[in-house]
């Protein structure tokens, strides 16, 4: 129903975030693995609330590593069926001057492990600092902001914040990860 496995469904958004937050250059190598475990009746239901087929035709878990031209490494792990307490997203950035970790929920799940998003900043060699975000009173606010920005770009003939090239770069990475999962290490 999603048009592909979890790498396309959730992975595309996580790869978008990785590329946006790091301004990563071109990838030079990818290594990935895909897994699909048999679903038991009642294990998983789609957003309409009905049970999915017991036979999964796509992966439900994807893991991958991407090496970029500047030496940066990116890692992705997405799953529809991991054995965890609830839905969550964790994004970690580590560099020579410190690290950032974002813990949040992606989507509309009412089973979120992190009910309140938080950001941890750890300067190199120092204690971490935690920052929390104010609760959202309108769950559709981000979608409205996106729609308003899109309309503004049309009205004012402005360049959209996210370009077609950004989308193409994410799709290329997904293709490389799938290729690696089927053939092994892929050097670009």
N, C-alpha and C. Protein backbone atom coordinates (compact mmCIF):
# COMPACT_ATOMS: atom_id res chain seq x y z
N UNK A 1 0.81 -1.21 0.00
CA UNK A 1 0.00 0.00 0.00
C UNK A 1 0.85 1.27 0.00
N UNK A 2 2.08 1.20 0.49
CA UNK A 2 2.90 2.41 0.59
C UNK A 2 3.68 2.69 -0.69
N UNK A 3 3.66 1.78 -1.65
CA UNK A 3 4.41 1.99 -2.89
C UNK A 3 5.85 1.52 -2.80
N UNK A 4 6.23 0.96 -1.68
CA UNK A 4 7.58 0.44 -1.50
C UNK A 4 7.75 0.01 -0.05
N UNK A 5 8.94 -0.39 0.27
CA UNK A 5 9.23 -0.82 1.64
C UNK A 5 9.49 0.35 2.55
N UNK A 6 9.92 0.03 3.75
CA UNK A 6 10.15 1.05 4.77
C UNK A 6 11.26 2.02 4.37
N UNK A 7 12.20 1.58 3.55
CA UNK A 7 13.27 2.48 3.11
C UNK A 7 12.70 3.62 2.27
N UNK A 8 11.73 3.32 1.42
CA UNK A 8 11.08 4.36 0.63
C UNK A 8 10.12 5.17 1.49
N UNK A 9 9.34 4.48 2.32
CA UNK A 9 8.29 5.12 3.10
C UNK A 9 8.84 6.04 4.19
N UNK A 10 9.59 5.50 5.12
CA UNK A 10 10.16 6.30 6.21
C UNK A 10 11.58 6.77 5.90
N UNK A 11 12.34 5.91 5.23
CA UNK A 11 13.74 6.21 4.95
C UNK A 11 13.93 7.47 4.13
N UNK A 12 13.01 7.72 3.20
CA UNK A 12 13.14 8.92 2.37
C UNK A 12 13.14 10.18 3.24
N UNK A 13 12.30 10.21 4.26
CA UNK A 13 12.23 11.37 5.15
C UNK A 13 13.49 11.49 6.02
N UNK A 14 13.99 10.36 6.50
CA UNK A 14 15.19 10.39 7.33
C UNK A 14 16.42 10.78 6.50
N UNK A 15 16.48 10.31 5.26
CA UNK A 15 17.59 10.70 4.38
C UNK A 15 17.48 12.19 4.05
N UNK A 16 16.26 12.68 3.81
CA UNK A 16 16.08 14.12 3.61
C UNK A 16 16.64 14.91 4.78
N UNK A 17 16.33 14.47 6.00
CA UNK A 17 16.82 15.16 7.19
C UNK A 17 18.34 15.11 7.27
N UNK A 18 18.91 13.94 6.99
CA UNK A 18 20.37 13.80 7.03
C UNK A 18 21.02 14.78 6.06
N UNK A 19 20.51 14.83 4.85
CA UNK A 19 21.10 15.70 3.84
C UNK A 19 20.90 17.17 4.19
N UNK A 20 19.72 17.51 4.71
CA UNK A 20 19.42 18.90 5.07
C UNK A 20 20.29 19.37 6.24
N UNK A 21 20.42 18.54 7.26
CA UNK A 21 21.15 18.94 8.46
C UNK A 21 22.66 18.97 8.26
N UNK A 22 23.16 18.20 7.32
CA UNK A 22 24.62 18.11 7.15
C UNK A 22 25.13 18.75 5.87
N UNK A 23 24.25 19.07 4.94
CA UNK A 23 24.67 19.56 3.63
C UNK A 23 25.73 18.62 3.03
N UNK A 24 25.43 17.33 3.13
CA UNK A 24 26.38 16.29 2.70
C UNK A 24 26.70 16.38 1.21
N UNK A 25 27.97 16.13 0.87
CA UNK A 25 28.35 16.09 -0.55
C UNK A 25 27.90 14.75 -1.16
N UNK A 26 28.38 14.46 -2.34
CA UNK A 26 28.00 13.23 -3.03
C UNK A 26 28.48 11.99 -2.25
N UNK A 27 27.69 10.92 -2.29
CA UNK A 27 28.12 9.68 -1.64
C UNK A 27 29.20 8.99 -2.46
N UNK A 28 30.10 8.29 -1.77
CA UNK A 28 31.13 7.53 -2.47
C UNK A 28 30.96 6.03 -2.27
N UNK A 29 30.25 5.62 -1.22
CA UNK A 29 30.03 4.19 -0.98
C UNK A 29 28.80 4.00 -0.08
N UNK A 30 28.10 2.89 -0.30
CA UNK A 30 26.93 2.54 0.52
C UNK A 30 26.98 1.06 0.87
N UNK A 31 26.51 0.74 2.06
CA UNK A 31 26.36 -0.64 2.48
C UNK A 31 25.02 -0.72 3.21
N UNK A 32 24.16 -1.65 2.78
CA UNK A 32 22.83 -1.72 3.36
C UNK A 32 22.35 -3.15 3.50
N UNK A 33 21.41 -3.34 4.40
CA UNK A 33 20.74 -4.62 4.58
C UNK A 33 19.26 -4.39 4.76
N UNK A 34 18.45 -5.30 4.21
CA UNK A 34 16.99 -5.23 4.32
C UNK A 34 16.49 -6.50 4.97
N UNK A 35 15.40 -6.39 5.69
CA UNK A 35 14.83 -7.56 6.34
C UNK A 35 13.31 -7.46 6.30
N UNK A 36 12.67 -8.59 6.12
CA UNK A 36 11.22 -8.65 6.19
C UNK A 36 10.84 -9.89 6.95
N UNK A 37 10.33 -9.71 8.15
CA UNK A 37 9.92 -10.88 8.92
C UNK A 37 8.45 -11.16 8.64
N UNK A 38 8.07 -12.41 8.72
CA UNK A 38 6.66 -12.74 8.47
C UNK A 38 5.77 -12.07 9.51
N UNK A 39 4.71 -11.46 9.04
CA UNK A 39 3.76 -10.81 9.95
C UNK A 39 2.76 -11.84 10.45
N UNK A 40 2.42 -11.71 11.68
CA UNK A 40 1.36 -12.55 12.26
C UNK A 40 0.05 -11.78 12.18
N UNK A 41 -1.03 -12.47 11.99
CA UNK A 41 -2.33 -11.80 11.91
C UNK A 41 -2.52 -10.89 13.12
N UNK A 42 -2.84 -9.64 12.87
CA UNK A 42 -3.04 -8.68 13.95
C UNK A 42 -1.78 -7.98 14.41
N UNK A 43 -0.60 -8.35 13.86
CA UNK A 43 0.67 -7.72 14.26
C UNK A 43 0.73 -6.24 13.92
N UNK A 44 0.28 -5.90 12.74
CA UNK A 44 0.47 -4.55 12.24
C UNK A 44 -0.77 -4.15 11.48
N UNK A 45 -1.21 -2.92 11.68
CA UNK A 45 -2.34 -2.43 10.91
C UNK A 45 -1.96 -1.11 10.28
N UNK A 46 -2.56 -0.84 9.13
CA UNK A 46 -2.24 0.40 8.43
C UNK A 46 -3.03 1.55 9.04
N UNK A 47 -2.86 2.74 8.51
CA UNK A 47 -3.48 3.93 9.08
C UNK A 47 -4.99 3.90 9.00
N UNK A 48 -5.54 3.01 8.18
CA UNK A 48 -7.00 2.86 8.12
C UNK A 48 -7.50 1.91 9.21
N UNK A 49 -6.58 1.23 9.87
CA UNK A 49 -6.94 0.34 10.96
C UNK A 49 -7.13 -1.10 10.54
N UNK A 50 -6.97 -1.42 9.26
CA UNK A 50 -7.16 -2.80 8.83
C UNK A 50 -5.83 -3.54 8.83
N UNK A 51 -5.90 -4.85 8.98
CA UNK A 51 -4.69 -5.67 9.04
C UNK A 51 -4.04 -5.75 7.67
N UNK A 52 -2.73 -5.67 7.65
CA UNK A 52 -1.98 -5.85 6.42
C UNK A 52 -1.93 -7.33 6.07
N UNK A 53 -1.54 -7.62 4.87
CA UNK A 53 -1.38 -8.99 4.42
C UNK A 53 -0.33 -9.69 5.27
N UNK A 54 -0.50 -10.99 5.49
CA UNK A 54 0.48 -11.76 6.25
C UNK A 54 1.76 -11.92 5.43
N UNK A 55 1.64 -11.89 4.11
CA UNK A 55 2.81 -11.98 3.23
C UNK A 55 3.28 -10.57 2.89
N UNK A 56 4.46 -10.21 3.38
CA UNK A 56 5.01 -8.90 3.09
C UNK A 56 5.85 -8.99 1.82
N UNK A 57 5.57 -8.12 0.87
CA UNK A 57 6.29 -8.14 -0.40
C UNK A 57 7.46 -7.17 -0.41
N UNK A 58 7.60 -6.42 0.67
CA UNK A 58 8.67 -5.42 0.77
C UNK A 58 9.33 -5.55 2.14
N UNK A 59 10.47 -4.89 2.29
CA UNK A 59 11.18 -4.94 3.57
C UNK A 59 10.43 -4.16 4.63
N UNK A 60 10.50 -4.65 5.87
CA UNK A 60 9.93 -3.89 6.98
C UNK A 60 11.01 -3.24 7.84
N UNK A 61 12.27 -3.61 7.59
CA UNK A 61 13.40 -3.02 8.31
C UNK A 61 14.53 -2.79 7.30
N UNK A 62 15.15 -1.62 7.39
CA UNK A 62 16.29 -1.30 6.53
C UNK A 62 17.36 -0.62 7.37
N UNK A 63 18.61 -1.03 7.15
CA UNK A 63 19.75 -0.40 7.81
C UNK A 63 20.80 -0.12 6.75
N UNK A 64 21.46 1.00 6.88
CA UNK A 64 22.48 1.32 5.90
C UNK A 64 23.48 2.31 6.41
N UNK A 65 24.65 2.27 5.77
CA UNK A 65 25.70 3.25 6.04
C UNK A 65 26.10 3.87 4.71
N UNK A 66 26.34 5.17 4.75
CA UNK A 66 26.71 5.92 3.55
C UNK A 66 27.98 6.70 3.87
N UNK A 67 28.98 6.54 3.02
CA UNK A 67 30.19 7.37 3.16
C UNK A 67 30.13 8.44 2.09
N UNK A 68 30.36 9.68 2.51
CA UNK A 68 30.30 10.81 1.60
C UNK A 68 31.71 11.25 1.20
N UNK A 69 31.80 12.04 0.14
CA UNK A 69 33.08 12.44 -0.44
C UNK A 69 33.99 13.16 0.56
N UNK A 70 33.41 13.85 1.54
CA UNK A 70 34.22 14.58 2.52
C UNK A 70 34.62 13.72 3.72
N UNK A 71 34.32 12.41 3.68
CA UNK A 71 34.66 11.51 4.77
C UNK A 71 33.54 11.33 5.79
N UNK A 72 32.49 12.13 5.69
CA UNK A 72 31.37 12.01 6.61
C UNK A 72 30.69 10.65 6.43
N UNK A 73 30.28 10.05 7.54
CA UNK A 73 29.52 8.80 7.50
C UNK A 73 28.09 9.08 7.94
N UNK A 74 27.13 8.52 7.21
CA UNK A 74 25.73 8.61 7.59
C UNK A 74 25.22 7.21 7.84
N UNK A 75 24.35 7.07 8.84
CA UNK A 75 23.78 5.77 9.16
C UNK A 75 22.28 5.93 9.27
N UNK A 76 21.55 4.95 8.75
CA UNK A 76 20.10 4.99 8.80
C UNK A 76 19.58 3.63 9.26
N UNK A 77 18.56 3.66 10.09
CA UNK A 77 17.88 2.45 10.55
C UNK A 77 16.40 2.82 10.66
N UNK A 78 15.59 2.23 9.80
CA UNK A 78 14.15 2.47 9.83
C UNK A 78 13.42 1.14 9.84
N UNK A 79 12.28 1.11 10.53
CA UNK A 79 11.54 -0.15 10.61
C UNK A 79 10.08 0.10 10.90
N UNK A 80 9.24 -0.76 10.35
CA UNK A 80 7.82 -0.77 10.69
C UNK A 80 7.56 -1.75 11.83
N UNK A 81 8.49 -2.69 12.07
CA UNK A 81 8.20 -3.77 13.01
C UNK A 81 9.28 -4.03 14.04
N UNK A 82 10.15 -3.07 14.31
CA UNK A 82 11.13 -3.29 15.37
C UNK A 82 10.45 -3.53 16.70
N UNK A 83 11.10 -4.29 17.54
CA UNK A 83 10.56 -4.57 18.87
C UNK A 83 10.94 -3.45 19.83
N UNK A 84 10.18 -2.37 19.78
CA UNK A 84 10.41 -1.23 20.65
C UNK A 84 9.09 -0.87 21.35
N UNK A 85 9.19 -0.04 22.37
CA UNK A 85 8.02 0.30 23.18
C UNK A 85 7.01 1.18 22.47
N UNK A 86 7.44 1.93 21.49
CA UNK A 86 6.54 2.84 20.79
C UNK A 86 7.24 3.47 19.60
N UNK A 87 6.50 4.25 18.83
CA UNK A 87 7.07 4.93 17.67
C UNK A 87 7.99 6.06 18.12
N UNK A 88 9.10 6.23 17.41
CA UNK A 88 10.01 7.33 17.73
C UNK A 88 10.97 7.56 16.57
N UNK A 89 11.59 8.71 16.62
CA UNK A 89 12.66 9.07 15.69
C UNK A 89 13.80 9.63 16.53
N UNK A 90 15.00 9.15 16.26
CA UNK A 90 16.20 9.72 16.87
C UNK A 90 17.15 10.09 15.75
N UNK A 91 17.62 11.31 15.79
CA UNK A 91 18.59 11.80 14.82
C UNK A 91 19.82 12.24 15.61
N UNK A 92 20.97 11.67 15.27
CA UNK A 92 22.22 11.98 15.96
C UNK A 92 23.21 12.57 14.96
N UNK A 93 23.83 13.66 15.33
CA UNK A 93 24.90 14.28 14.55
C UNK A 93 26.12 14.38 15.46
N UNK A 94 27.24 13.85 14.98
CA UNK A 94 28.47 13.90 15.77
C UNK A 94 29.58 14.52 14.93
N UNK A 95 30.32 15.43 15.53
CA UNK A 95 31.41 16.08 14.83
C UNK A 95 32.54 16.38 15.77
N UNK A 96 33.55 17.05 15.27
CA UNK A 96 34.75 17.32 16.06
C UNK A 96 34.48 18.31 17.20
N UNK A 97 33.44 19.13 17.09
CA UNK A 97 33.15 20.12 18.13
C UNK A 97 32.04 19.70 19.08
N UNK A 98 31.46 18.52 18.85
CA UNK A 98 30.40 18.06 19.75
C UNK A 98 29.36 17.24 19.02
N UNK A 99 28.21 17.07 19.67
CA UNK A 99 27.15 16.27 19.06
C UNK A 99 25.77 16.83 19.39
N UNK A 100 24.82 16.51 18.54
CA UNK A 100 23.42 16.85 18.73
C UNK A 100 22.61 15.57 18.62
N UNK A 101 21.60 15.42 19.47
CA UNK A 101 20.68 14.29 19.38
C UNK A 101 19.26 14.83 19.51
N UNK A 102 18.45 14.54 18.51
CA UNK A 102 17.05 14.93 18.52
C UNK A 102 16.20 13.69 18.75
N UNK A 103 15.31 13.76 19.72
CA UNK A 103 14.37 12.66 19.98
C UNK A 103 12.98 13.22 19.79
N UNK A 104 12.23 12.59 18.90
CA UNK A 104 10.92 13.11 18.56
C UNK A 104 10.04 11.99 18.02
N UNK A 105 8.90 12.36 17.52
CA UNK A 105 7.97 11.43 16.88
C UNK A 105 7.74 11.90 15.47
N UNK A 106 7.72 10.99 14.54
CA UNK A 106 7.47 11.31 13.15
C UNK A 106 6.07 10.84 12.81
N UNK A 107 5.21 11.73 12.40
CA UNK A 107 3.87 11.32 12.01
C UNK A 107 2.85 11.55 13.09
N UNK A 108 1.76 10.79 12.99
CA UNK A 108 0.60 11.04 13.84
C UNK A 108 0.36 9.94 14.86
N UNK A 109 1.32 9.11 15.13
CA UNK A 109 1.10 7.99 16.03
C UNK A 109 0.67 8.45 17.42
N UNK A 110 -0.25 7.70 18.00
CA UNK A 110 -0.61 7.97 19.38
C UNK A 110 0.14 7.03 20.31
N UNK A 111 1.11 6.29 19.75
CA UNK A 111 1.92 5.36 20.53
C UNK A 111 3.37 5.82 20.59
N UNK A 112 3.57 7.12 20.57
CA UNK A 112 4.92 7.66 20.53
C UNK A 112 5.69 7.42 21.82
N UNK A 113 6.92 6.95 21.69
CA UNK A 113 7.78 6.74 22.84
C UNK A 113 8.17 8.08 23.47
N UNK A 114 8.45 9.06 22.61
CA UNK A 114 8.80 10.40 23.09
C UNK A 114 7.58 11.29 22.89
N UNK A 115 6.86 11.54 23.95
CA UNK A 115 5.64 12.36 23.86
C UNK A 115 5.99 13.83 23.62
N UNK A 116 7.18 14.22 24.06
CA UNK A 116 7.62 15.60 23.92
C UNK A 116 8.99 15.61 23.25
N UNK A 117 9.15 16.28 22.11
CA UNK A 117 10.46 16.32 21.46
C UNK A 117 11.52 16.96 22.36
N UNK A 118 12.75 16.48 22.24
CA UNK A 118 13.85 17.08 23.00
C UNK A 118 15.12 17.04 22.16
N UNK A 119 16.00 17.96 22.46
CA UNK A 119 17.27 18.08 21.76
C UNK A 119 18.38 18.08 22.79
N UNK A 120 19.38 17.22 22.60
CA UNK A 120 20.53 17.18 23.48
C UNK A 120 21.73 17.73 22.73
N UNK A 121 22.39 18.72 23.32
CA UNK A 121 23.61 19.28 22.75
C UNK A 121 24.74 18.97 23.70
N UNK A 122 25.80 18.35 23.16
CA UNK A 122 26.95 18.00 23.97
C UNK A 122 28.21 18.58 23.32
N UNK A 123 28.69 19.73 23.82
CA UNK A 123 29.96 20.25 23.31
C UNK A 123 31.07 19.25 23.62
N UNK A 124 32.04 19.13 22.75
CA UNK A 124 33.13 18.16 22.93
C UNK A 124 33.77 18.33 24.31
N UNK A 125 33.85 17.24 25.05
CA UNK A 125 34.50 17.23 26.35
C UNK A 125 33.68 17.86 27.47
N UNK A 126 32.41 18.17 27.22
CA UNK A 126 31.59 18.82 28.24
C UNK A 126 30.34 17.99 28.52
N UNK A 127 29.60 18.40 29.52
CA UNK A 127 28.36 17.72 29.89
C UNK A 127 27.25 18.06 28.90
N UNK A 128 26.35 17.11 28.66
CA UNK A 128 25.24 17.39 27.74
C UNK A 128 24.22 18.36 28.33
N UNK A 129 23.59 19.12 27.44
CA UNK A 129 22.49 20.01 27.81
C UNK A 129 21.25 19.55 27.07
N UNK A 130 20.11 19.45 27.78
CA UNK A 130 18.85 19.04 27.16
C UNK A 130 17.95 20.24 26.97
N UNK A 131 17.31 20.30 25.82
CA UNK A 131 16.36 21.36 25.51
C UNK A 131 15.04 20.68 25.10
N UNK A 132 13.94 21.18 25.62
CA UNK A 132 12.63 20.64 25.23
C UNK A 132 11.91 21.67 24.38
N UNK A 133 10.98 21.19 23.59
CA UNK A 133 10.20 22.04 22.71
C UNK A 133 8.80 22.23 23.30
N UNK A 134 8.19 23.37 23.09
CA UNK A 134 6.83 23.55 23.60
C UNK A 134 5.88 22.59 22.88
N UNK A 135 4.85 22.13 23.57
CA UNK A 135 3.90 21.21 22.93
C UNK A 135 3.15 21.90 21.80
N UNK A 136 2.86 21.12 20.76
CA UNK A 136 2.08 21.65 19.64
C UNK A 136 0.61 21.54 19.99
N UNK A 137 -0.08 22.65 19.82
CA UNK A 137 -1.52 22.62 20.07
C UNK A 137 -2.28 22.26 18.80
N UNK A 138 -1.63 22.42 17.64
CA UNK A 138 -2.25 22.12 16.35
C UNK A 138 -1.36 21.11 15.62
N UNK A 139 -1.81 19.86 15.51
CA UNK A 139 -0.98 18.82 14.89
C UNK A 139 -0.77 19.06 13.41
N UNK A 140 -1.57 19.91 12.78
CA UNK A 140 -1.44 20.17 11.34
C UNK A 140 -0.64 21.43 11.04
N UNK A 141 -0.08 22.07 12.06
CA UNK A 141 0.60 23.35 11.86
C UNK A 141 1.76 23.26 10.86
N UNK A 142 2.54 22.17 10.92
CA UNK A 142 3.67 22.03 10.00
C UNK A 142 3.20 21.87 8.56
N UNK A 143 2.11 21.14 8.35
CA UNK A 143 1.57 20.98 7.00
C UNK A 143 1.04 22.31 6.47
N UNK A 144 0.42 23.09 7.33
CA UNK A 144 -0.07 24.42 6.92
C UNK A 144 1.09 25.33 6.54
N UNK A 145 2.17 25.28 7.32
CA UNK A 145 3.35 26.10 7.01
C UNK A 145 3.94 25.71 5.66
N UNK A 146 4.01 24.41 5.40
CA UNK A 146 4.53 23.94 4.11
C UNK A 146 3.65 24.44 2.97
N UNK A 147 2.33 24.32 3.12
CA UNK A 147 1.40 24.75 2.07
C UNK A 147 1.51 26.26 1.85
N UNK A 148 1.61 27.03 2.92
CA UNK A 148 1.75 28.49 2.79
C UNK A 148 3.05 28.86 2.09
N UNK A 149 4.14 28.17 2.45
CA UNK A 149 5.43 28.44 1.80
C UNK A 149 5.35 28.12 0.31
N UNK A 150 4.72 27.01 -0.04
CA UNK A 150 4.57 26.62 -1.44
C UNK A 150 3.78 27.68 -2.21
N UNK A 151 2.66 28.13 -1.64
CA UNK A 151 1.84 29.15 -2.29
C UNK A 151 2.61 30.46 -2.43
N UNK A 152 3.38 30.83 -1.41
CA UNK A 152 4.19 32.04 -1.45
C UNK A 152 5.22 31.97 -2.57
N UNK A 153 5.83 30.80 -2.75
CA UNK A 153 6.83 30.64 -3.83
C UNK A 153 6.18 30.82 -5.20
N UNK A 154 4.97 30.35 -5.35
CA UNK A 154 4.26 30.51 -6.63
C UNK A 154 3.89 31.98 -6.85
N UNK A 155 3.28 32.60 -5.83
CA UNK A 155 2.84 33.99 -5.96
C UNK A 155 4.00 34.94 -6.22
N UNK A 156 5.12 34.71 -5.54
CA UNK A 156 6.24 35.65 -5.62
C UNK A 156 7.37 35.15 -6.52
N UNK A 157 7.13 34.04 -7.24
CA UNK A 157 8.14 33.45 -8.12
C UNK A 157 9.48 33.25 -7.40
N UNK A 158 9.40 32.77 -6.16
CA UNK A 158 10.59 32.51 -5.35
C UNK A 158 11.00 31.04 -5.50
N UNK A 159 12.25 30.77 -5.24
CA UNK A 159 12.75 29.39 -5.21
C UNK A 159 12.28 28.74 -3.92
N UNK A 160 11.74 27.56 -4.02
CA UNK A 160 11.29 26.80 -2.85
C UNK A 160 12.50 26.43 -2.00
N UNK A 161 12.32 26.34 -0.69
CA UNK A 161 13.42 25.97 0.21
C UNK A 161 14.00 24.61 -0.14
N UNK A 162 13.14 23.68 -0.54
CA UNK A 162 13.57 22.34 -0.94
C UNK A 162 13.47 22.26 -2.46
N UNK A 163 14.57 21.91 -3.10
CA UNK A 163 14.60 21.90 -4.57
C UNK A 163 14.40 20.49 -5.12
N UNK A 164 14.15 20.44 -6.42
CA UNK A 164 14.04 19.15 -7.10
C UNK A 164 15.36 18.39 -6.99
N UNK A 165 16.46 19.11 -6.99
CA UNK A 165 17.78 18.48 -6.84
C UNK A 165 17.91 17.81 -5.48
N UNK A 166 17.34 18.43 -4.44
CA UNK A 166 17.35 17.82 -3.11
C UNK A 166 16.61 16.49 -3.13
N UNK A 167 15.45 16.47 -3.76
CA UNK A 167 14.68 15.23 -3.88
C UNK A 167 15.41 14.18 -4.68
N UNK A 168 16.06 14.61 -5.77
CA UNK A 168 16.81 13.68 -6.62
C UNK A 168 17.97 13.06 -5.85
N UNK A 169 18.63 13.84 -5.02
CA UNK A 169 19.76 13.34 -4.22
C UNK A 169 19.28 12.27 -3.23
N UNK A 170 18.14 12.50 -2.59
CA UNK A 170 17.59 11.52 -1.65
C UNK A 170 17.20 10.23 -2.37
N UNK A 171 16.55 10.36 -3.51
CA UNK A 171 16.14 9.17 -4.29
C UNK A 171 17.36 8.40 -4.75
N UNK A 172 18.40 9.09 -5.16
CA UNK A 172 19.65 8.44 -5.59
C UNK A 172 20.24 7.63 -4.43
N UNK A 173 20.23 8.19 -3.23
CA UNK A 173 20.75 7.46 -2.07
C UNK A 173 19.90 6.22 -1.77
N UNK A 174 18.59 6.34 -1.88
CA UNK A 174 17.71 5.18 -1.67
C UNK A 174 18.02 4.10 -2.70
N UNK A 175 18.20 4.49 -3.95
CA UNK A 175 18.55 3.52 -5.00
C UNK A 175 19.87 2.84 -4.69
N UNK A 176 20.86 3.60 -4.23
CA UNK A 176 22.16 3.02 -3.90
C UNK A 176 22.06 2.06 -2.72
N UNK A 177 21.23 2.40 -1.73
CA UNK A 177 21.04 1.52 -0.58
C UNK A 177 20.35 0.22 -1.00
N UNK A 178 19.32 0.31 -1.83
CA UNK A 178 18.68 -0.91 -2.34
C UNK A 178 19.67 -1.75 -3.15
N UNK A 179 20.45 -1.09 -4.00
CA UNK A 179 21.44 -1.80 -4.80
C UNK A 179 22.44 -2.52 -3.90
N UNK A 180 22.90 -1.87 -2.86
CA UNK A 180 23.84 -2.48 -1.94
C UNK A 180 23.21 -3.67 -1.21
N UNK A 181 21.95 -3.53 -0.81
CA UNK A 181 21.27 -4.61 -0.09
C UNK A 181 21.19 -5.87 -0.95
N UNK A 182 21.12 -5.69 -2.25
CA UNK A 182 21.00 -6.85 -3.16
C UNK A 182 22.35 -7.35 -3.68
N UNK A 183 23.37 -6.46 -3.70
CA UNK A 183 24.65 -6.84 -4.30
C UNK A 183 25.85 -6.74 -3.37
N UNK A 184 25.72 -6.12 -2.22
CA UNK A 184 26.85 -5.88 -1.34
C UNK A 184 27.30 -4.44 -1.42
N UNK A 185 28.50 -4.18 -0.96
CA UNK A 185 29.04 -2.82 -0.93
C UNK A 185 28.99 -2.20 -2.32
N UNK A 186 28.46 -0.98 -2.39
CA UNK A 186 28.37 -0.26 -3.67
C UNK A 186 29.24 0.97 -3.57
N UNK A 187 30.20 1.08 -4.48
CA UNK A 187 31.00 2.28 -4.60
C UNK A 187 30.45 3.09 -5.77
N UNK A 188 30.26 4.38 -5.56
CA UNK A 188 29.66 5.20 -6.61
C UNK A 188 30.69 5.74 -7.57
